[in-house]
């Protein structure tokens, strides 16, 4: 009757390994270190968009998935605006949203996005492994994903995760 102790030991080992990650609450990403998947969006109003070439233009940038119906997206918006004002290119993907509501969100809170488009069906999000909105990716100049951060970008996240990833992306 050694099966239950063996199962328990296996689960305990898995939990222990999971807790040893740098941030046990952060979801791992299979895409980190790989090329960003294709950009598949439609225009959002008359706002400038972006494409695959924008991700591989030699500049480090953020890609942020957001929606007007997402309360944490509203919380992170001032932080994205701050990063954009610092000169960091922020690209936006509006996820499964009503275009008029998305445009109203940007009119109300300001538009930090150098380029933005709509992913009405969620196809791009699926290819990028999106867990939910908001989610932000740090992309190096060659279009590689350096960091995936699931959740709202706050000041603490900027200092502890985003800035180190931006530095790493610039060094690569």
N, C-alpha and C. Protein backbone atom coordinates (compact mmCIF):
# COMPACT_ATOMS: atom_id res chain seq x y z
N UNK A 1 0.84 -1.18 0.00
CA UNK A 1 0.00 0.00 0.00
C UNK A 1 0.89 1.25 0.00
N UNK A 2 1.81 1.30 -0.94
CA UNK A 2 2.73 2.43 -1.03
C UNK A 2 2.28 3.49 -2.04
N UNK A 3 1.18 3.26 -2.73
CA UNK A 3 0.74 4.21 -3.76
C UNK A 3 0.37 5.58 -3.18
N UNK A 4 -0.46 5.68 -2.13
CA UNK A 4 -0.78 7.03 -1.60
C UNK A 4 0.45 7.81 -1.14
N UNK A 5 1.41 7.24 -0.42
CA UNK A 5 2.58 8.03 -0.04
C UNK A 5 3.41 8.48 -1.25
N UNK A 6 3.47 7.65 -2.27
CA UNK A 6 4.23 8.01 -3.47
C UNK A 6 3.53 9.17 -4.19
N UNK A 7 2.21 9.11 -4.30
CA UNK A 7 1.46 10.20 -4.93
C UNK A 7 1.65 11.48 -4.13
N UNK A 8 1.54 11.38 -2.80
CA UNK A 8 1.73 12.55 -1.95
C UNK A 8 3.13 13.13 -2.12
N UNK A 9 4.14 12.31 -2.16
CA UNK A 9 5.52 12.78 -2.32
C UNK A 9 5.70 13.47 -3.67
N UNK A 10 5.09 12.92 -4.71
CA UNK A 10 5.18 13.54 -6.04
C UNK A 10 4.52 14.91 -6.07
N UNK A 11 3.34 15.02 -5.48
CA UNK A 11 2.64 16.30 -5.42
C UNK A 11 3.43 17.32 -4.59
N UNK A 12 3.95 16.87 -3.46
CA UNK A 12 4.74 17.76 -2.61
C UNK A 12 5.97 18.27 -3.36
N UNK A 13 6.63 17.41 -4.10
CA UNK A 13 7.81 17.82 -4.88
C UNK A 13 7.41 18.84 -5.95
N UNK A 14 6.28 18.61 -6.63
CA UNK A 14 5.82 19.54 -7.66
C UNK A 14 5.50 20.90 -7.07
N UNK A 15 4.82 20.91 -5.93
CA UNK A 15 4.50 22.18 -5.27
C UNK A 15 5.77 22.90 -4.83
N UNK A 16 6.72 22.16 -4.29
CA UNK A 16 7.97 22.75 -3.84
C UNK A 16 8.71 23.42 -5.00
N UNK A 17 8.81 22.72 -6.12
CA UNK A 17 9.48 23.27 -7.29
C UNK A 17 8.75 24.53 -7.76
N UNK A 18 7.42 24.48 -7.78
CA UNK A 18 6.63 25.64 -8.21
C UNK A 18 6.85 26.84 -7.32
N UNK A 19 7.00 26.62 -6.03
CA UNK A 19 7.21 27.72 -5.09
C UNK A 19 8.61 28.30 -5.16
N UNK A 20 9.54 27.61 -5.78
CA UNK A 20 10.91 28.11 -5.88
C UNK A 20 11.10 29.08 -7.04
N UNK A 21 10.06 29.27 -7.86
CA UNK A 21 10.14 30.25 -8.95
C UNK A 21 10.33 31.64 -8.36
N UNK A 22 10.89 32.55 -9.17
CA UNK A 22 11.13 33.92 -8.71
C UNK A 22 9.86 34.56 -8.17
N UNK A 23 8.76 34.42 -8.89
CA UNK A 23 7.47 34.94 -8.45
C UNK A 23 6.45 33.82 -8.58
N UNK A 24 6.13 33.13 -7.48
CA UNK A 24 5.25 31.97 -7.58
C UNK A 24 3.84 32.30 -8.05
N UNK A 25 3.44 33.57 -7.98
CA UNK A 25 2.11 33.95 -8.45
C UNK A 25 2.08 34.22 -9.94
N UNK A 26 3.23 34.41 -10.57
CA UNK A 26 3.30 34.74 -11.98
C UNK A 26 3.23 33.47 -12.82
N UNK A 27 2.46 33.56 -13.90
CA UNK A 27 2.31 32.43 -14.79
C UNK A 27 3.54 32.29 -15.68
N UNK A 28 4.04 31.08 -15.87
CA UNK A 28 5.18 30.89 -16.77
C UNK A 28 4.73 31.10 -18.22
N UNK A 29 5.67 31.43 -19.08
CA UNK A 29 5.35 31.62 -20.48
C UNK A 29 6.28 30.78 -21.33
N UNK A 30 5.70 29.98 -22.20
CA UNK A 30 6.48 29.17 -23.12
C UNK A 30 7.08 30.03 -24.23
N UNK A 31 6.61 31.28 -24.37
CA UNK A 31 7.07 32.13 -25.46
C UNK A 31 8.28 32.99 -25.10
N UNK A 32 8.61 33.12 -23.83
CA UNK A 32 9.75 33.94 -23.46
C UNK A 32 11.01 33.39 -24.13
N UNK A 33 11.78 34.30 -24.75
CA UNK A 33 12.98 33.91 -25.47
C UNK A 33 12.73 33.55 -26.92
N UNK A 34 11.49 33.53 -27.33
CA UNK A 34 11.13 33.20 -28.72
C UNK A 34 10.58 34.42 -29.44
N UNK A 35 10.50 34.30 -30.75
CA UNK A 35 9.90 35.36 -31.57
C UNK A 35 8.44 35.55 -31.19
N UNK A 36 8.03 36.80 -31.13
CA UNK A 36 6.62 37.10 -30.88
C UNK A 36 5.79 36.55 -32.02
N UNK A 37 4.64 35.97 -31.72
CA UNK A 37 3.76 35.48 -32.78
C UNK A 37 3.27 36.63 -33.68
N UNK A 38 2.64 36.25 -34.76
CA UNK A 38 2.16 37.22 -35.74
C UNK A 38 1.18 38.21 -35.13
N UNK A 39 1.22 39.42 -35.66
CA UNK A 39 0.26 40.46 -35.29
C UNK A 39 -0.93 40.30 -36.23
N UNK A 40 -2.10 40.02 -35.64
CA UNK A 40 -3.33 39.82 -36.41
C UNK A 40 -4.42 40.67 -35.79
N UNK A 41 -4.55 41.91 -36.29
CA UNK A 41 -5.53 42.83 -35.72
C UNK A 41 -6.24 43.58 -36.84
N UNK A 42 -7.32 44.22 -36.45
CA UNK A 42 -7.99 45.17 -37.32
C UNK A 42 -7.81 46.56 -36.73
N UNK A 43 -8.11 47.57 -37.53
CA UNK A 43 -7.96 48.95 -37.06
C UNK A 43 -8.93 49.22 -35.92
N UNK A 44 -8.52 50.09 -35.03
CA UNK A 44 -9.39 50.58 -33.95
C UNK A 44 -9.65 52.05 -34.25
N UNK A 45 -10.82 52.33 -34.81
CA UNK A 45 -11.13 53.68 -35.23
C UNK A 45 -10.12 54.14 -36.27
N UNK A 46 -9.69 55.39 -36.14
CA UNK A 46 -8.68 55.90 -37.06
C UNK A 46 -7.32 56.04 -36.39
N UNK A 47 -7.14 55.30 -35.28
CA UNK A 47 -5.86 55.34 -34.56
C UNK A 47 -4.78 54.59 -35.34
N UNK A 48 -3.53 55.03 -35.22
CA UNK A 48 -2.45 54.30 -35.89
C UNK A 48 -2.33 52.89 -35.34
N UNK A 49 -2.07 51.95 -36.21
CA UNK A 49 -1.91 50.55 -35.81
C UNK A 49 -0.45 50.16 -35.76
N UNK A 50 -0.21 48.86 -35.73
CA UNK A 50 1.14 48.33 -35.83
C UNK A 50 1.07 46.95 -36.45
N UNK A 51 2.22 46.46 -36.92
CA UNK A 51 2.27 45.16 -37.59
C UNK A 51 3.51 44.39 -37.15
N UNK A 52 3.75 43.26 -37.79
CA UNK A 52 4.91 42.43 -37.43
C UNK A 52 6.22 43.22 -37.53
N UNK A 53 6.34 44.03 -38.56
CA UNK A 53 7.56 44.81 -38.74
C UNK A 53 7.81 45.75 -37.57
N UNK A 54 6.74 46.25 -36.96
CA UNK A 54 6.87 47.14 -35.81
C UNK A 54 7.53 46.44 -34.64
N UNK A 55 7.35 45.14 -34.55
CA UNK A 55 7.94 44.38 -33.44
C UNK A 55 9.41 44.07 -33.67
N UNK A 56 9.86 44.22 -34.91
CA UNK A 56 11.23 43.83 -35.26
C UNK A 56 12.00 45.01 -35.86
N UNK A 57 11.74 46.22 -35.34
CA UNK A 57 12.33 47.43 -35.91
C UNK A 57 13.60 47.88 -35.21
N UNK A 58 14.15 47.03 -34.34
CA UNK A 58 15.37 47.38 -33.63
C UNK A 58 15.15 48.09 -32.31
N UNK A 59 13.91 48.44 -32.00
CA UNK A 59 13.60 49.17 -30.76
C UNK A 59 12.91 48.25 -29.75
N UNK A 60 13.25 48.45 -28.49
CA UNK A 60 12.59 47.72 -27.41
C UNK A 60 11.22 48.34 -27.18
N UNK A 61 10.23 47.51 -26.88
CA UNK A 61 8.87 48.02 -26.72
C UNK A 61 8.05 47.11 -25.82
N UNK A 62 6.86 47.60 -25.46
CA UNK A 62 5.88 46.82 -24.72
C UNK A 62 4.70 46.55 -25.64
N UNK A 63 4.11 45.37 -25.52
CA UNK A 63 2.83 45.07 -26.16
C UNK A 63 1.87 44.77 -25.02
N UNK A 64 0.79 45.55 -24.96
CA UNK A 64 -0.17 45.46 -23.86
C UNK A 64 -1.53 45.06 -24.39
N UNK A 65 -2.06 43.94 -23.88
CA UNK A 65 -3.42 43.51 -24.20
C UNK A 65 -4.35 44.11 -23.15
N UNK A 66 -5.44 44.75 -23.60
CA UNK A 66 -6.33 45.48 -22.69
C UNK A 66 -7.75 45.46 -23.24
N UNK A 67 -8.69 45.89 -22.40
CA UNK A 67 -10.09 46.03 -22.81
C UNK A 67 -10.76 47.09 -21.95
N UNK A 68 -11.77 47.73 -22.51
CA UNK A 68 -12.49 48.77 -21.76
C UNK A 68 -13.30 48.18 -20.61
N UNK A 69 -13.71 46.92 -20.72
CA UNK A 69 -14.52 46.28 -19.69
C UNK A 69 -13.67 45.71 -18.55
N UNK A 70 -12.36 45.87 -18.64
CA UNK A 70 -11.41 45.28 -17.70
C UNK A 70 -11.02 46.30 -16.63
N UNK A 71 -11.48 46.08 -15.39
CA UNK A 71 -11.16 47.00 -14.29
C UNK A 71 -9.66 47.11 -14.02
N UNK A 72 -8.89 46.01 -13.99
CA UNK A 72 -7.44 46.16 -13.79
C UNK A 72 -6.75 46.94 -14.92
N UNK A 73 -7.34 46.94 -16.12
CA UNK A 73 -6.77 47.72 -17.22
C UNK A 73 -6.86 49.21 -16.91
N UNK A 74 -7.93 49.60 -16.27
CA UNK A 74 -8.12 51.00 -15.86
C UNK A 74 -7.08 51.35 -14.79
N UNK A 75 -6.81 50.41 -13.88
CA UNK A 75 -5.82 50.62 -12.81
C UNK A 75 -4.42 50.80 -13.39
N UNK A 76 -4.05 50.01 -14.40
CA UNK A 76 -2.70 50.07 -14.94
C UNK A 76 -2.48 51.21 -15.92
N UNK A 77 -3.54 51.81 -16.42
CA UNK A 77 -3.43 52.81 -17.48
C UNK A 77 -2.48 53.97 -17.15
N UNK A 78 -2.54 54.55 -15.94
CA UNK A 78 -1.57 55.62 -15.63
C UNK A 78 -0.12 55.16 -15.70
N UNK A 79 0.14 53.92 -15.33
CA UNK A 79 1.51 53.39 -15.40
C UNK A 79 1.97 53.25 -16.84
N UNK A 80 1.09 52.80 -17.72
CA UNK A 80 1.44 52.72 -19.15
C UNK A 80 1.68 54.11 -19.72
N UNK A 81 0.86 55.06 -19.30
CA UNK A 81 1.03 56.44 -19.75
C UNK A 81 2.38 56.98 -19.30
N UNK A 82 2.75 56.69 -18.06
CA UNK A 82 4.06 57.12 -17.54
C UNK A 82 5.19 56.54 -18.38
N UNK A 83 5.12 55.24 -18.68
CA UNK A 83 6.17 54.60 -19.48
C UNK A 83 6.25 55.23 -20.86
N UNK A 84 5.09 55.50 -21.47
CA UNK A 84 5.07 56.13 -22.79
C UNK A 84 5.70 57.52 -22.73
N UNK A 85 5.40 58.27 -21.66
CA UNK A 85 5.97 59.61 -21.50
C UNK A 85 7.48 59.58 -21.29
N UNK A 86 7.99 58.45 -20.78
CA UNK A 86 9.43 58.27 -20.61
C UNK A 86 10.12 57.91 -21.92
N UNK A 87 9.33 57.70 -22.98
CA UNK A 87 9.90 57.38 -24.27
C UNK A 87 9.87 55.91 -24.63
N UNK A 88 9.24 55.10 -23.80
CA UNK A 88 9.13 53.67 -24.10
C UNK A 88 7.93 53.48 -25.02
N UNK A 89 8.16 52.80 -26.12
CA UNK A 89 7.08 52.54 -27.07
C UNK A 89 6.14 51.51 -26.46
N UNK A 90 4.87 51.86 -26.38
CA UNK A 90 3.84 50.97 -25.88
C UNK A 90 2.85 50.74 -27.02
N UNK A 91 2.66 49.48 -27.38
CA UNK A 91 1.71 49.09 -28.42
C UNK A 91 0.53 48.39 -27.75
N UNK A 92 -0.67 48.68 -28.20
CA UNK A 92 -1.86 48.14 -27.55
C UNK A 92 -2.65 47.21 -28.44
N UNK A 93 -3.17 46.15 -27.81
CA UNK A 93 -4.08 45.22 -28.48
C UNK A 93 -5.37 45.21 -27.68
N UNK A 94 -6.42 45.75 -28.29
CA UNK A 94 -7.73 45.80 -27.63
C UNK A 94 -8.39 44.44 -27.82
N UNK A 95 -8.67 43.76 -26.71
CA UNK A 95 -9.10 42.36 -26.70
C UNK A 95 -10.61 42.21 -26.53
N UNK A 96 -11.25 41.60 -27.53
CA UNK A 96 -12.67 41.23 -27.46
C UNK A 96 -13.53 42.34 -26.87
N UNK A 97 -13.47 43.49 -27.49
CA UNK A 97 -14.12 44.68 -26.94
C UNK A 97 -15.01 45.33 -28.00
N UNK A 98 -15.92 46.13 -27.55
CA UNK A 98 -16.73 46.96 -28.44
C UNK A 98 -15.87 48.14 -28.86
N UNK A 99 -15.68 48.36 -30.17
CA UNK A 99 -14.79 49.43 -30.61
C UNK A 99 -15.14 50.81 -30.05
N UNK A 100 -16.42 51.13 -29.98
CA UNK A 100 -16.81 52.45 -29.45
C UNK A 100 -16.46 52.59 -27.97
N UNK A 101 -16.66 51.52 -27.23
CA UNK A 101 -16.30 51.57 -25.80
C UNK A 101 -14.78 51.66 -25.63
N UNK A 102 -14.04 50.96 -26.47
CA UNK A 102 -12.57 51.02 -26.41
C UNK A 102 -12.08 52.43 -26.72
N UNK A 103 -12.64 53.04 -27.76
CA UNK A 103 -12.25 54.41 -28.11
C UNK A 103 -12.64 55.39 -27.01
N UNK A 104 -13.80 55.17 -26.38
CA UNK A 104 -14.23 56.01 -25.26
C UNK A 104 -13.28 55.88 -24.08
N UNK A 105 -12.81 54.68 -23.81
CA UNK A 105 -11.84 54.42 -22.74
C UNK A 105 -10.58 55.26 -22.98
N UNK A 106 -10.09 55.25 -24.22
CA UNK A 106 -8.88 56.00 -24.54
C UNK A 106 -9.13 57.52 -24.54
N UNK A 107 -10.32 57.95 -24.94
CA UNK A 107 -10.64 59.38 -24.87
C UNK A 107 -10.67 59.84 -23.41
N UNK A 108 -11.24 59.01 -22.55
CA UNK A 108 -11.38 59.37 -21.14
C UNK A 108 -10.03 59.37 -20.41
N UNK A 109 -9.23 58.32 -20.60
CA UNK A 109 -8.00 58.16 -19.83
C UNK A 109 -6.73 58.60 -20.56
N UNK A 110 -6.83 58.87 -21.84
CA UNK A 110 -5.66 59.20 -22.64
C UNK A 110 -5.17 57.97 -23.38
N UNK A 111 -4.40 58.22 -24.43
CA UNK A 111 -3.92 57.12 -25.26
C UNK A 111 -2.39 57.01 -25.17
N UNK A 112 -1.89 56.03 -24.40
CA UNK A 112 -0.44 55.86 -24.29
C UNK A 112 0.16 55.06 -25.43
N UNK A 113 -0.68 54.56 -26.34
CA UNK A 113 -0.22 53.61 -27.36
C UNK A 113 0.31 54.31 -28.60
N UNK A 114 1.54 53.96 -29.00
CA UNK A 114 2.12 54.45 -30.25
C UNK A 114 1.39 53.82 -31.43
N UNK A 115 0.88 52.63 -31.24
CA UNK A 115 0.08 51.91 -32.22
C UNK A 115 -0.89 51.03 -31.46
N UNK A 116 -2.09 50.89 -31.99
CA UNK A 116 -3.12 50.09 -31.31
C UNK A 116 -4.04 49.49 -32.36
N UNK A 117 -4.54 48.31 -32.07
CA UNK A 117 -5.50 47.66 -32.95
C UNK A 117 -6.44 46.81 -32.15
N UNK A 118 -7.42 46.23 -32.85
CA UNK A 118 -8.45 45.43 -32.19
C UNK A 118 -8.26 43.95 -32.52
N UNK A 119 -8.42 43.14 -31.50
CA UNK A 119 -8.41 41.67 -31.64
C UNK A 119 -9.80 41.19 -31.21
N UNK A 120 -10.79 41.49 -32.05
CA UNK A 120 -12.19 41.26 -31.70
C UNK A 120 -12.51 39.79 -31.47
N UNK A 121 -11.88 38.89 -32.20
CA UNK A 121 -12.17 37.46 -32.06
C UNK A 121 -11.22 36.76 -31.09
N UNK A 122 -10.16 37.44 -30.68
CA UNK A 122 -9.20 36.84 -29.74
C UNK A 122 -8.20 35.91 -30.39
N UNK A 123 -8.06 35.96 -31.71
CA UNK A 123 -7.11 35.06 -32.40
C UNK A 123 -5.66 35.40 -32.07
N UNK A 124 -5.34 36.69 -32.11
CA UNK A 124 -3.97 37.09 -31.78
C UNK A 124 -3.66 36.71 -30.33
N UNK A 125 -4.59 36.98 -29.44
CA UNK A 125 -4.41 36.66 -28.03
C UNK A 125 -4.15 35.17 -27.84
N UNK A 126 -4.89 34.35 -28.56
CA UNK A 126 -4.71 32.90 -28.46
C UNK A 126 -3.29 32.52 -28.90
N UNK A 127 -2.82 33.09 -30.00
CA UNK A 127 -1.48 32.78 -30.49
C UNK A 127 -0.39 33.25 -29.53
N UNK A 128 -0.66 34.32 -28.80
CA UNK A 128 0.31 34.85 -27.86
C UNK A 128 0.23 34.15 -26.50
N UNK A 129 -0.73 33.24 -26.32
CA UNK A 129 -0.87 32.53 -25.05
C UNK A 129 -1.48 33.37 -23.96
N UNK A 130 -2.34 34.31 -24.36
CA UNK A 130 -2.95 35.21 -23.39
C UNK A 130 -3.76 34.44 -22.36
N UNK A 131 -3.54 34.78 -21.10
CA UNK A 131 -4.29 34.19 -20.00
C UNK A 131 -5.54 35.01 -19.72
N UNK A 132 -5.42 36.31 -19.84
CA UNK A 132 -6.51 37.24 -19.60
C UNK A 132 -5.95 38.65 -19.65
N UNK A 133 -6.83 39.63 -19.66
CA UNK A 133 -6.35 41.01 -19.69
C UNK A 133 -6.37 41.61 -18.29
N UNK A 134 -5.46 42.50 -17.99
CA UNK A 134 -4.38 42.96 -18.85
C UNK A 134 -3.19 41.99 -18.83
N UNK A 135 -2.46 42.03 -19.90
CA UNK A 135 -1.23 41.25 -20.00
C UNK A 135 -0.26 42.05 -20.85
N UNK A 136 0.99 42.11 -20.42
CA UNK A 136 1.99 42.95 -21.06
C UNK A 136 3.24 42.14 -21.38
N UNK A 137 3.77 42.37 -22.56
CA UNK A 137 4.97 41.68 -23.04
C UNK A 137 6.06 42.71 -23.30
N UNK A 138 7.28 42.40 -22.87
CA UNK A 138 8.45 43.20 -23.23
C UNK A 138 9.07 42.51 -24.44
N UNK A 139 9.26 43.30 -25.51
CA UNK A 139 9.76 42.76 -26.78
C UNK A 139 11.09 43.43 -27.09
N UNK A 140 12.12 42.64 -27.42
CA UNK A 140 13.40 43.24 -27.79
C UNK A 140 13.34 43.72 -29.25
N UNK A 141 14.39 44.35 -29.71
CA UNK A 141 14.41 44.94 -31.04
C UNK A 141 14.31 43.95 -32.18
N UNK A 142 14.57 42.68 -31.92
CA UNK A 142 14.47 41.64 -32.96
C UNK A 142 13.12 40.94 -32.94
N UNK A 143 12.24 41.38 -32.04
CA UNK A 143 10.91 40.79 -31.98
C UNK A 143 10.80 39.59 -31.05
N UNK A 144 11.78 39.42 -30.17
CA UNK A 144 11.74 38.31 -29.21
C UNK A 144 11.04 38.75 -27.93
N UNK A 145 10.28 37.84 -27.35
CA UNK A 145 9.61 38.11 -26.08
C UNK A 145 10.63 37.92 -24.95
N UNK A 146 10.86 38.98 -24.19
CA UNK A 146 11.78 38.94 -23.07
C UNK A 146 11.03 38.65 -21.77
N UNK A 147 9.81 39.19 -21.67
CA UNK A 147 9.01 39.01 -20.46
C UNK A 147 7.54 39.02 -20.82
N UNK A 148 6.80 38.16 -20.16
CA UNK A 148 5.33 38.19 -20.20
C UNK A 148 4.88 38.46 -18.78
N UNK A 149 4.10 39.52 -18.61
CA UNK A 149 3.57 39.81 -17.29
C UNK A 149 2.06 39.79 -17.35
N UNK A 150 1.45 38.88 -16.61
CA UNK A 150 -0.01 38.77 -16.53
C UNK A 150 -0.48 39.55 -15.31
N UNK A 151 -1.37 40.51 -15.54
CA UNK A 151 -1.89 41.33 -14.45
C UNK A 151 -1.62 42.79 -14.73
N UNK A 152 -2.13 43.66 -13.85
CA UNK A 152 -1.95 45.09 -14.07
C UNK A 152 -0.51 45.54 -13.82
N UNK A 153 -0.02 46.40 -14.69
CA UNK A 153 1.29 47.00 -14.52
C UNK A 153 1.14 48.15 -13.52
N UNK A 154 1.72 47.97 -12.35
CA UNK A 154 1.69 48.99 -11.30
C UNK A 154 3.11 49.54 -11.14
N UNK A 155 3.28 50.53 -10.28
CA UNK A 155 4.61 51.08 -10.04
C UNK A 155 5.56 50.00 -9.51
N UNK A 156 5.06 49.16 -8.64
CA UNK A 156 5.89 48.09 -8.10
C UNK A 156 6.32 47.12 -9.20
N UNK A 157 5.39 46.79 -10.08
CA UNK A 157 5.70 45.88 -11.20
C UNK A 157 6.69 46.54 -12.15
N UNK A 158 6.53 47.84 -12.39
CA UNK A 158 7.48 48.53 -13.27
C UNK A 158 8.89 48.39 -12.72
N UNK A 159 9.05 48.66 -11.44
CA UNK A 159 10.39 48.63 -10.84
C UNK A 159 10.94 47.21 -10.70
N UNK A 160 10.10 46.26 -10.34
CA UNK A 160 10.59 44.91 -10.06
C UNK A 160 10.66 44.00 -11.29
N UNK A 161 9.82 44.25 -12.29
CA UNK A 161 9.76 43.33 -13.43
C UNK A 161 10.00 44.01 -14.78
N UNK A 162 9.29 45.12 -15.04
CA UNK A 162 9.33 45.73 -16.37
C UNK A 162 10.69 46.38 -16.65
N UNK A 163 11.16 47.23 -15.74
CA UNK A 163 12.45 47.90 -15.99
C UNK A 163 13.61 46.90 -16.14
N UNK A 164 13.72 45.88 -15.28
CA UNK A 164 14.79 44.90 -15.50
C UNK A 164 14.66 44.18 -16.85
N UNK A 165 13.44 43.89 -17.27
CA UNK A 165 13.24 43.24 -18.56
C UNK A 165 13.59 44.18 -19.71
N UNK A 166 13.27 45.46 -19.57
CA UNK A 166 13.62 46.44 -20.59
C UNK A 166 15.15 46.53 -20.72
N UNK A 167 15.85 46.55 -19.59
CA UNK A 167 17.31 46.60 -19.61
C UNK A 167 17.87 45.35 -20.27
N UNK A 168 17.32 44.21 -19.93
CA UNK A 168 17.77 42.96 -20.54
C UNK A 168 17.54 42.99 -22.05
N UNK A 169 16.39 43.49 -22.47
CA UNK A 169 16.08 43.56 -23.90
C UNK A 169 17.03 44.50 -24.62
N UNK A 170 17.38 45.60 -23.99
CA UNK A 170 18.32 46.55 -24.62
C UNK A 170 19.71 45.96 -24.74
N UNK A 171 20.08 45.09 -23.79
CA UNK A 171 21.41 44.49 -23.80
C UNK A 171 21.55 43.36 -24.82
N UNK A 172 20.45 42.82 -25.27
CA UNK A 172 20.51 41.67 -26.19
C UNK A 172 20.73 42.09 -27.62
